[in-house]
C-alpha atoms as a PDB file:
ATOM      1  CA  MET A   1      96.896  89.193  78.532  1.00  0.00           C
ATOM      2  CA  ARG A   2      94.692  92.209  78.245  1.00  0.00           C
ATOM      3  CA  TYR A   3      91.669  92.506  75.636  1.00  0.00           C
ATOM      4  CA  ARG A   4      90.716  95.598  74.098  1.00  0.00           C
ATOM      5  CA  LEU A   5      87.109  96.699  74.230  1.00  0.00           C
ATOM      6  CA  SER A   6      85.974  99.590  72.457  1.00  0.00           C
ATOM      7  CA  GLN A   7      82.933 100.620  75.298  1.00  0.00           C
ATOM      8  CA  PHE A   8      81.182 103.619  73.907  1.00  0.00           C
ATOM      9  CA  PHE A   9      82.827 106.592  72.508  1.00  0.00           C
ATOM     10  CA  VAL A  10      81.362 110.153  73.314  1.00  0.00           C
ATOM     11  CA  GLY A  11      80.728 110.677  69.644  1.00  0.00           C
ATOM     12  CA  ALA A  12      78.958 107.810  69.237  1.00  0.00           C
ATOM     13  CA  LEU A  13      77.034 108.833  72.389  1.00  0.00           C
ATOM     14  CA  LEU A  14      76.367 112.365  70.290  1.00  0.00           C
ATOM     15  CA  VAL A  15      74.977 109.940  67.481  1.00  0.00           C
ATOM     16  CA  ILE A  16      72.397 108.414  69.915  1.00  0.00           C
ATOM     17  CA  PHE A  17      71.703 111.698  71.314  1.00  0.00           C
ATOM     18  CA  LEU A  18      70.941 113.355  67.694  1.00  0.00           C
ATOM     19  CA  ALA A  19      69.490 110.611  66.238  1.00  0.00           C
ATOM     20  CA  GLY A  20      67.813 108.258  68.651  1.00  0.00           C
ATOM     21  CA  CYS A  21      65.791 110.915  70.511  1.00  0.00           C
ATOM     22  CA  ALA A  22      63.671 112.369  67.811  1.00  0.00           C
ATOM     23  CA  THR A  23      59.722 113.281  68.673  1.00  0.00           C
ATOM     24  CA  SER A  24      57.268 114.872  67.491  1.00  0.00           C
ATOM     25  CA  PRO A  25      57.769 118.320  66.640  1.00  0.00           C
ATOM     26  CA  GLY A  26      55.047 119.529  69.195  1.00  0.00           C
ATOM     27  CA  GLU A  27      57.336 118.260  71.975  1.00  0.00           C
ATOM     28  CA  PHE A  28      60.439 120.599  71.284  1.00  0.00           C
ATOM     29  CA  GLU A  29      58.097 124.035  71.225  1.00  0.00           C
ATOM     30  CA  PRO A  30      58.389 125.878  74.088  1.00  0.00           C
ATOM     31  CA  LEU A  31      55.497 125.983  76.745  1.00  0.00           C
ATOM     32  CA  GLN A  32      53.539 129.080  77.108  1.00  0.00           C
ATOM     33  CA  GLY A  33      53.649 131.442  80.256  1.00  0.00           C
ATOM     34  CA  ARG A  34      56.972 130.007  82.001  1.00  0.00           C
ATOM     35  CA  ASN A  35      60.641 131.441  82.031  1.00  0.00           C
ATOM     36  CA  GLY A  36      63.737 130.020  80.776  1.00  0.00           C
ATOM     37  CA  MET A  37      64.550 126.550  80.821  1.00  0.00           C
ATOM     38  CA  ASP A  38      61.095 126.025  82.339  1.00  0.00           C
ATOM     39  CA  ARG A  39      59.104 127.056  78.757  1.00  0.00           C
ATOM     40  CA  VAL A  40      60.681 124.105  76.879  1.00  0.00           C
ATOM     41  CA  SER A  41      59.094 120.648  77.109  1.00  0.00           C
ATOM     42  CA  PRO A  42      60.563 118.128  79.245  1.00  0.00           C
ATOM     43  CA  VAL A  43      62.074 116.194  76.278  1.00  0.00           C
ATOM     44  CA  ARG A  44      63.732 119.404  75.090  1.00  0.00           C
ATOM     45  CA  ALA A  45      64.743 120.150  78.575  1.00  0.00           C
ATOM     46  CA  ALA A  46      66.475 116.603  79.050  1.00  0.00           C
ATOM     47  CA  GLU A  47      68.086 117.486  75.673  1.00  0.00           C
ATOM     48  CA  VAL A  48      69.581 120.288  76.697  1.00  0.00           C
ATOM     49  CA  ASN A  49      71.004 119.133  79.918  1.00  0.00           C
ATOM     50  CA  THR A  50      72.699 115.915  78.301  1.00  0.00           C
ATOM     51  CA  ARG A  51      74.596 118.105  75.638  1.00  0.00           C
ATOM     52  CA  LEU A  52      75.437 119.773  78.431  1.00  0.00           C
ATOM     53  CA  GLY A  53      76.476 117.152  80.436  1.00  0.00           C
ATOM     54  CA  ILE A  54      78.469 115.218  77.489  1.00  0.00           C
ATOM     55  CA  GLY A  55      80.560 118.539  77.477  1.00  0.00           C
ATOM     56  CA  TYR A  56      81.397 118.536  81.068  1.00  0.00           C
ATOM     57  CA  MET A  57      82.430 115.076  80.622  1.00  0.00           C
ATOM     58  CA  GLU A  58      84.861 115.830  77.545  1.00  0.00           C
ATOM     59  CA  ARG A  59      86.525 118.305  79.800  1.00  0.00           C
ATOM     60  CA  GLY A  60      86.824 115.899  82.818  1.00  0.00           C
ATOM     61  CA  GLN A  61      84.496 118.049  84.721  1.00  0.00           C
ATOM     62  CA  LEU A  62      82.794 115.206  85.835  1.00  0.00           C
ATOM     63  CA  GLN A  63      80.441 116.124  89.011  1.00  0.00           C
ATOM     64  CA  LEU A  64      79.547 119.307  86.868  1.00  0.00           C
ATOM     65  CA  ALA A  65      78.344 116.641  84.164  1.00  0.00           C
ATOM     66  CA  ILE A  66      76.602 114.202  86.542  1.00  0.00           C
ATOM     67  CA  GLU A  67      74.704 117.332  87.990  1.00  0.00           C
ATOM     68  CA  LYS A  68      73.256 118.313  84.516  1.00  0.00           C
ATOM     69  CA  LEU A  69      72.598 114.674  83.489  1.00  0.00           C
ATOM     70  CA  GLN A  70      70.324 113.794  87.012  1.00  0.00           C
ATOM     71  CA  THR A  71      68.945 117.430  85.755  1.00  0.00           C
ATOM     72  CA  ALA A  72      67.990 115.635  82.377  1.00  0.00           C
ATOM     73  CA  LEU A  73      66.437 112.914  83.855  1.00  0.00           C
ATOM     74  CA  SER A  74      64.235 115.015  86.511  1.00  0.00           C
ATOM     75  CA  HIS A  75      62.815 116.247  83.176  1.00  0.00           C
ATOM     76  CA  ASP A  76      62.569 113.136  81.627  1.00  0.00           C
ATOM     77  CA  SER A  77      63.195 109.696  83.078  1.00  0.00           C
ATOM     78  CA  ALA A  78      63.360 107.793  79.939  1.00  0.00           C
ATOM     79  CA  HIS A  79      66.126 109.674  78.530  1.00  0.00           C
ATOM     80  CA  THR A  80      68.289 107.172  77.435  1.00  0.00           C
ATOM     81  CA  PRO A  81      71.475 109.257  76.048  1.00  0.00           C
ATOM     82  CA  ALA A  82      71.717 110.589  79.731  1.00  0.00           C
ATOM     83  CA  ARG A  83      71.523 107.131  81.311  1.00  0.00           C
ATOM     84  CA  LEU A  84      74.390 105.781  79.329  1.00  0.00           C
ATOM     85  CA  THR A  85      76.456 108.823  79.900  1.00  0.00           C
ATOM     86  CA  LEU A  86      75.936 108.805  83.264  1.00  0.00           C
ATOM     87  CA  ALA A  87      76.583 104.755  83.205  1.00  0.00           C
ATOM     88  CA  LEU A  88      80.022 105.990  81.504  1.00  0.00           C
ATOM     89  CA  ILE A  89      80.894 108.232  84.052  1.00  0.00           C
ATOM     90  CA  TYR A  90      80.417 106.097  86.889  1.00  0.00           C
ATOM     91  CA  ASP A  91      82.200 103.186  85.148  1.00  0.00           C
ATOM     92  CA  ARG A  92      84.953 105.684  84.773  1.00  0.00           C
ATOM     93  CA  LEU A  93      84.677 106.779  88.321  1.00  0.00           C
ATOM     94  CA  GLY A  94      84.972 103.060  89.376  1.00  0.00           C
ATOM     95  CA  GLU A  95      81.335 102.882  90.798  1.00  0.00           C
ATOM     96  CA  SER A  96      80.594  99.802  88.857  1.00  0.00           C
ATOM     97  CA  GLU A  97      76.951  99.479  91.082  1.00  0.00           C
ATOM     98  CA  ALA A  98      75.927 102.879  90.219  1.00  0.00           C
ATOM     99  CA  ALA A  99      76.886 102.219  86.295  1.00  0.00           C
ATOM    100  CA  SER A 100      74.901  98.796  86.029  1.00  0.00           C
ATOM    101  CA  GLN A 101      71.829 100.494  86.966  1.00  0.00           C
ATOM    102  CA  GLN A 102      72.133 103.065  84.525  1.00  0.00           C
ATOM    103  CA  TYR A 103      73.149 100.511  81.492  1.00  0.00           C
ATOM    104  CA  GLN A 104      70.231  98.370  82.989  1.00  0.00           C
ATOM    105  CA  ARG A 105      67.944 100.797  82.504  1.00  0.00           C
ATOM    106  CA  ALA A 106      68.849 102.316  79.044  1.00  0.00           C
ATOM    107  CA  SER A 107      68.764  98.873  78.081  1.00  0.00           C
ATOM    108  CA  GLN A 108      65.323  98.531  78.997  1.00  0.00           C
ATOM    109  CA  LEU A 109      64.460 101.610  77.315  1.00  0.00           C
ATOM    110  CA  ALA A 110      66.170 101.056  74.044  1.00  0.00           C
ATOM    111  CA  PRO A 111      65.995  97.024  73.701  1.00  0.00           C
ATOM    112  CA  GLY A 112      66.883  97.270  69.988  1.00  0.00           C
ATOM    113  CA  ASP A 113      69.289  99.927  69.804  1.00  0.00           C
ATOM    114  CA  GLY A 114      72.932  98.391  68.982  1.00  0.00           C
ATOM    115  CA  PRO A 115      74.829 101.229  70.555  1.00  0.00           C
ATOM    116  CA  THR A 116      72.751 101.056  73.866  1.00  0.00           C
ATOM    117  CA  GLN A 117      72.906  97.006  73.919  1.00  0.00           C
ATOM    118  CA  ASN A 118      76.851  97.255  72.460  1.00  0.00           C
ATOM    119  CA  ALA A 119      77.681  99.569  75.468  1.00  0.00           C
ATOM    120  CA  PHE A 120      75.698  97.316  77.996  1.00  0.00           C
ATOM    121  CA  ALA A 121      77.327  94.270  76.898  1.00  0.00           C
ATOM    122  CA  VAL A 122      80.981  95.712  77.358  1.00  0.00           C
ATOM    123  CA  HIS A 123      80.030  96.487  80.740  1.00  0.00           C
ATOM    124  CA  LEU A 124      78.704  93.091  81.749  1.00  0.00           C
ATOM    125  CA  CYS A 125      81.799  91.532  80.090  1.00  0.00           C
ATOM    126  CA  GLN A 126      84.131  93.775  82.411  1.00  0.00           C
ATOM    127  CA  GLN A 127      82.289  92.631  85.059  1.00  0.00           C
ATOM    128  CA  GLY A 128      82.644  88.997  84.385  1.00  0.00           C
ATOM    129  CA  ARG A 129      79.003  88.107  82.742  1.00  0.00           C
ATOM    130  CA  PHE A 130      80.195  86.616  79.907  1.00  0.00           C
ATOM    131  CA  ALA A 131      76.649  84.940  78.882  1.00  0.00           C
ATOM    132  CA  ASP A 132      75.042  88.111  79.429  1.00  0.00           C
ATOM    133  CA  ALA A 133      77.328  90.344  77.706  1.00  0.00           C
ATOM    134  CA  ASP A 134      76.837  87.590  74.673  1.00  0.00           C
ATOM    135  CA  ARG A 135      73.230  87.933  74.664  1.00  0.00           C
ATOM    136  CA  HIS A 136      73.153  91.946  74.394  1.00  0.00           C
ATOM    137  CA  PHE A 137      76.152  91.706  71.688  1.00  0.00           C
ATOM    138  CA  GLN A 138      73.344  89.463  69.962  1.00  0.00           C
ATOM    139  CA  ARG A 139      71.456  92.502  70.180  1.00  0.00           C
ATOM    140  CA  ALA A 140      73.158  95.266  69.104  1.00  0.00           C
ATOM    141  CA  VAL A 141      74.379  93.268  66.035  1.00  0.00           C
ATOM    142  CA  ASN A 142      70.774  92.657  65.034  1.00  0.00           C
ATOM    143  CA  ASP A 143      69.780  96.245  64.860  1.00  0.00           C
ATOM    144  CA  ALA A 144      69.397  97.139  61.291  1.00  0.00           C
ATOM    145  CA  PHE A 145      69.766 100.572  61.456  1.00  0.00           C
ATOM    146  CA  TYR A 146      73.085 100.068  63.570  1.00  0.00           C
ATOM    147  CA  ALA A 147      75.805 102.071  61.740  1.00  0.00           C
ATOM    148  CA  THR A 148      78.930 100.673  63.128  1.00  0.00           C
ATOM    149  CA  PRO A 149      77.942  96.672  63.858  1.00  0.00           C
ATOM    150  CA  GLU A 150      81.881  96.162  63.185  1.00  0.00           C
ATOM    151  CA  ILE A 151      82.150  97.492  66.630  1.00  0.00           C
ATOM    152  CA  ALA A 152      80.098  94.964  68.807  1.00  0.00           C
ATOM    153  CA  TYR A 153      81.424  91.979  66.807  1.00  0.00           C
ATOM    154  CA  SER A 154      84.560  93.191  67.748  1.00  0.00           C
ATOM    155  CA  ASN A 155      84.016  94.013  71.100  1.00  0.00           C
ATOM    156  CA  ALA A 156      82.116  90.089  71.105  1.00  0.00           C
ATOM    157  CA  GLY A 157      85.366  89.119  69.960  1.00  0.00           C
ATOM    158  CA  SER A 158      86.879  90.623  73.160  1.00  0.00           C
ATOM    159  CA  CYS A 159      84.541  89.203  75.240  1.00  0.00           C
ATOM    160  CA  ALA A 160      84.906  85.574  73.907  1.00  0.00           C
ATOM    161  CA  ARG A 161      88.938  85.697  74.741  1.00  0.00           C
ATOM    162  CA  ARG A 162      88.207  86.836  78.137  1.00  0.00           C
ATOM    163  CA  ALA A 163      85.801  84.114  78.485  1.00  0.00           C
ATOM    164  CA  GLY A 164      88.092  81.413  77.107  1.00  0.00           C
ATOM    165  CA  GLU A 165      86.124  80.606  74.028  1.00  0.00           C
ATOM    166  CA  VAL A 166      89.268  81.294  71.523  1.00  0.00           C
ATOM    167  CA  GLU A 167      86.371  80.054  68.383  1.00  0.00           C
ATOM    168  CA  ALA A 168      83.872  81.866  69.088  1.00  0.00           C
ATOM    169  CA  ALA A 169      85.915  85.025  69.400  1.00  0.00           C
ATOM    170  CA  GLU A 170      87.795  84.509  66.105  1.00  0.00           C
ATOM    171  CA  ARG A 171      84.411  83.949  63.897  1.00  0.00           C
ATOM    172  CA  TYR A 172      83.231  87.211  65.902  1.00  0.00           C
ATOM    173  CA  LEU A 173      86.341  88.985  64.791  1.00  0.00           C
ATOM    174  CA  ARG A 174      86.219  87.791  61.359  1.00  0.00           C
ATOM    175  CA  GLN A 175      82.569  88.874  61.066  1.00  0.00           C
ATOM    176  CA  ALA A 176      83.607  92.404  62.064  1.00  0.00           C
ATOM    177  CA  LEU A 177      86.499  92.021  59.048  1.00  0.00           C
ATOM    178  CA  ARG A 178      83.723  91.029  56.362  1.00  0.00           C
ATOM    179  CA  ILE A 179      81.842  94.604  57.164  1.00  0.00           C
ATOM    180  CA  ASP A 180      84.732  96.711  57.777  1.00  0.00           C
ATOM    181  CA  PRO A 181      88.071  94.599  56.045  1.00  0.00           C
ATOM    182  CA  ASP A 182      90.466  97.264  57.936  1.00  0.00           C
ATOM    183  CA  TYR A 183      88.976  97.523  61.245  1.00  0.00           C
ATOM    184  CA  PRO A 184      92.344  97.933  63.436  1.00  0.00           C
ATOM    185  CA  ASP A 185      90.434  96.374  66.607  1.00  0.00           C
ATOM    186  CA  ALA A 186      89.975  93.422  64.600  1.00  0.00           C
ATOM    187  CA  LEU A 187      92.726  92.859  62.738  1.00  0.00           C
ATOM    188  CA  PHE A 188      94.993  93.311  66.003  1.00  0.00           C
ATOM    189  CA  GLN A 189      93.255  90.888  68.156  1.00  0.00           C
ATOM    190  CA  LEU A 190      93.183  88.487  65.499  1.00  0.00           C
ATOM    191  CA  ALA A 191      96.734  88.839  65.075  1.00  0.00           C
ATOM    192  CA  GLU A 192      97.415  88.060  68.674  1.00  0.00           C
ATOM    193  CA  LEU A 193      95.285  84.918  68.682  1.00  0.00           C
ATOM    194  CA  GLN A 194      97.107  83.699  65.525  1.00  0.00           C
ATOM    195  CA  PHE A 195     100.466  84.265  67.201  1.00  0.00           C
ATOM    196  CA  ALA A 196      98.927  82.687  71.024  1.00  0.00           C
ATOM    197  CA  ALA A 197      97.736  79.618  68.408  1.00  0.00           C
ATOM    198  CA  GLY A 198     101.413  79.282  67.451  1.00  0.00           C
ATOM    199  CA  ASP A 199     100.858  80.791  63.706  1.00  0.00           C
ATOM    200  CA  ALA A 200     103.232  83.419  63.370  1.00  0.00           C
ATOM    201  CA  PHE A 201     102.702  83.656  59.601  1.00  0.00           C
ATOM    202  CA  ARG A 202      99.191  83.987  59.839  1.00  0.00           C
ATOM    203  CA  ALA A 203     100.210  86.814  62.885  1.00  0.00           C
ATOM    204  CA  ARG A 204     101.938  88.596  60.441  1.00  0.00           C
ATOM    205  CA  ALA A 205      99.653  88.801  57.912  1.00  0.00           C
ATOM    206  CA  PHE A 206      97.188  90.489  60.531  1.00  0.00           C
ATOM    207  CA  LEU A 207      99.717  92.553  61.486  1.00  0.00           C
ATOM    208  CA  GLN A 208     100.630  94.209  58.246  1.00  0.00           C
ATOM    209  CA  ARG A 209      97.072  94.901  57.252  1.00  0.00           C
ATOM    210  CA  LEU A 210      96.770  96.664  60.571  1.00  0.00           C
ATOM    211  CA  GLU A 211      99.739  98.657  59.664  1.00  0.00           C
ATOM    212  CA  THR A 212      98.687  99.635  56.174  1.00  0.00           C
ATOM    213  CA  ALA A 213      95.109 100.711  58.115  1.00  0.00           C
ATOM    214  CA  THR A 214      96.142 102.857  61.020  1.00  0.00           C
ATOM    215  CA  GLU A 215      99.375 104.398  63.187  1.00  0.00           C
ATOM    216  CA  ALA A 216     101.292 101.919  64.858  1.00  0.00           C
ATOM    217  CA  ASP A 217     100.579 101.899  68.612  1.00  0.00           C
ATOM    218  CA  PRO A 218     102.812 100.325  71.386  1.00  0.00           C
ATOM    219  CA  ALA A 219     100.786  96.941  71.753  1.00  0.00           C
ATOM    220  CA  ALA A 220     101.019  96.574  67.686  1.00  0.00           C
ATOM    221  CA  LEU A 221     104.688  97.296  67.765  1.00  0.00           C
ATOM    222  CA  ILE A 222     105.678  94.890  70.395  1.00  0.00           C
ATOM    223  CA  LEU A 223     103.388  92.310  68.758  1.00  0.00           C
ATOM    224  CA  GLY A 224     105.584  92.671  65.761  1.00  0.00           C
ATOM    225  CA  TYR A 225     108.446  92.381  67.511  1.00  0.00           C
ATOM    226  CA  ARG A 226     107.428  89.044  69.142  1.00  0.00           C
ATOM    227  CA  ILE A 227     106.320  87.906  65.638  1.00  0.00           C
ATOM    228  CA  GLU A 228     109.275  88.889  64.004  1.00  0.00           C
ATOM    229  CA  GLN A 229     111.666  87.040  66.641  1.00  0.00           C
ATOM    230  CA  LYS A 230     109.416  83.853  66.662  1.00  0.00           C
ATOM    231  CA  LEU A 231     110.043  83.802  63.154  1.00  0.00           C
ATOM    232  CA  ASN A 232     113.575  84.395  63.292  1.00  0.00           C
ATOM    233  CA  ASN A 233     113.849  87.476  61.734  1.00  0.00           C
ATOM    234  CA  PRO A 234     116.037  89.698  63.845  1.00  0.00           C
ATOM    235  CA  ASP A 235     116.480  92.429  61.549  1.00  0.00           C
ATOM    236  CA  GLN A 236     112.889  93.240  61.494  1.00  0.00           C
ATOM    237  CA  ALA A 237     112.430  92.503  64.818  1.00  0.00           C
ATOM    238  CA  GLU A 238     114.832  94.784  65.806  1.00  0.00           C
ATOM    239  CA  ARG A 239     112.959  97.915  63.193  1.00  0.00           C
ATOM    240  CA  TYR A 240     110.122  97.202  65.617  1.00  0.00           C
ATOM    241  CA  ALA A 241     112.037  97.501  68.645  1.00  0.00           C
ATOM    242  CA  MET A 242     113.583 100.749  67.341  1.00  0.00           C
ATOM    243  CA  ARG A 243     110.159 102.476  66.505  1.00  0.00           C
ATOM    244  CA  LEU A 244     108.751 101.292  70.114  1.00  0.00           C
ATOM    245  CA  GLU A 245     111.879 103.340  71.946  1.00  0.00           C
ATOM    246  CA  ARG A 246     111.431 106.224  69.444  1.00  0.00           C
ATOM    247  CA  LEU A 247     107.764 106.680  69.463  1.00  0.00           C
ATOM    248  CA  PHE A 248     106.543 105.300  72.863  1.00  0.00           C
ATOM    249  CA  PRO A 249     109.736 105.131  75.308  1.00  0.00           C
ATOM    250  CA  GLN A 250     107.399 105.285  78.379  1.00  0.00           C
ATOM    251  CA  SER A 251     104.837 102.783  77.149  1.00  0.00           C
ATOM    252  CA  LEU A 252     104.258  99.808  79.122  1.00  0.00           C
ATOM    253  CA  GLN A 253     105.518  98.111  75.963  1.00  0.00           C
ATOM    254  CA  ALA A 254     108.486  99.883  75.998  1.00  0.00           C
ATOM    255  CA  ARG A 255     109.207  98.330  79.382  1.00  0.00           C
ATOM    256  CA  GLU A 256     108.178  95.093  78.464  1.00  0.00           C
ATOM    257  CA  LEU A 257     110.793  95.399  75.442  1.00  0.00           C
ATOM    258  CA  ARG A 258     113.193  96.018  77.648  1.00  0.00           C
ATOM    259  CA  SER A 259     112.581  93.262  79.962  1.00  0.00           C
ATOM    260  CA  LEU A 260     112.472  90.684  76.932  1.00  0.00           C
ATOM    261  CA  ARG A 261     115.982  91.972  75.747  1.00  0.00           C
ATOM    262  CA  GLN A 262     117.448  91.529  79.045  1.00  0.00           C
ATOM    263  CA  GLY A 263     116.177  88.034  79.207  1.00  0.00           C
ATOM    264  CA  ASP A 264     117.560  87.385  75.892  1.00  0.00           C
ATOM    265  CA  ASP A 265     121.130  88.334  76.995  1.00  0.00           C
END
């Protein structure tokens, strides 16, 4: 089973970038006697290049993004947003060791920053370092200024599931819902957990809450099909199947549905 981890969105990166990198006004003032980028302070130069790097990353121009981010770090080696963005790109490219180095350094630079610690924790979990990941998730949720701690709690729940810690997973996911009762990822995971535990009625309840909170996706629709089949409700199961085939005919879940149906024949 694949557990969903919300690693680090570009929008969240930009929030850190804009809010977490404030310095004294003087650091952003142009320096005298030089031209172009050299006229601004190293911190400002790092900020500008990181913005450019994020823009290139969003457009899929990863080599250009890397170049801009490395330029940012040449101006200010302690610029956490540049390191986080580099880590994200390296993860995307499958360069795990390079990503780990950047996440590790970013974590050292911002040990109390929730989004930074969440990003590092997700990476650690993906590497199978579950105990280390949990420590960094705890750092994330302990940040009193973290605007979206439900993301870290939900990710911690995903990671606990990967580690086989079902009780811890449910505890983390329910904590995410105490913060945001409509948080889709936590609702979906709790529906999966309840279904795996054999409680299709509770699974249905979480899935229904998910359906009121967000638009359907293939994973939710195939889960709905399985739940209704388990509850011996073929008409409702068929409605899920029809929606899945209509909305996401090329998805892995649609192919899974066809296999399930062939097995029932």
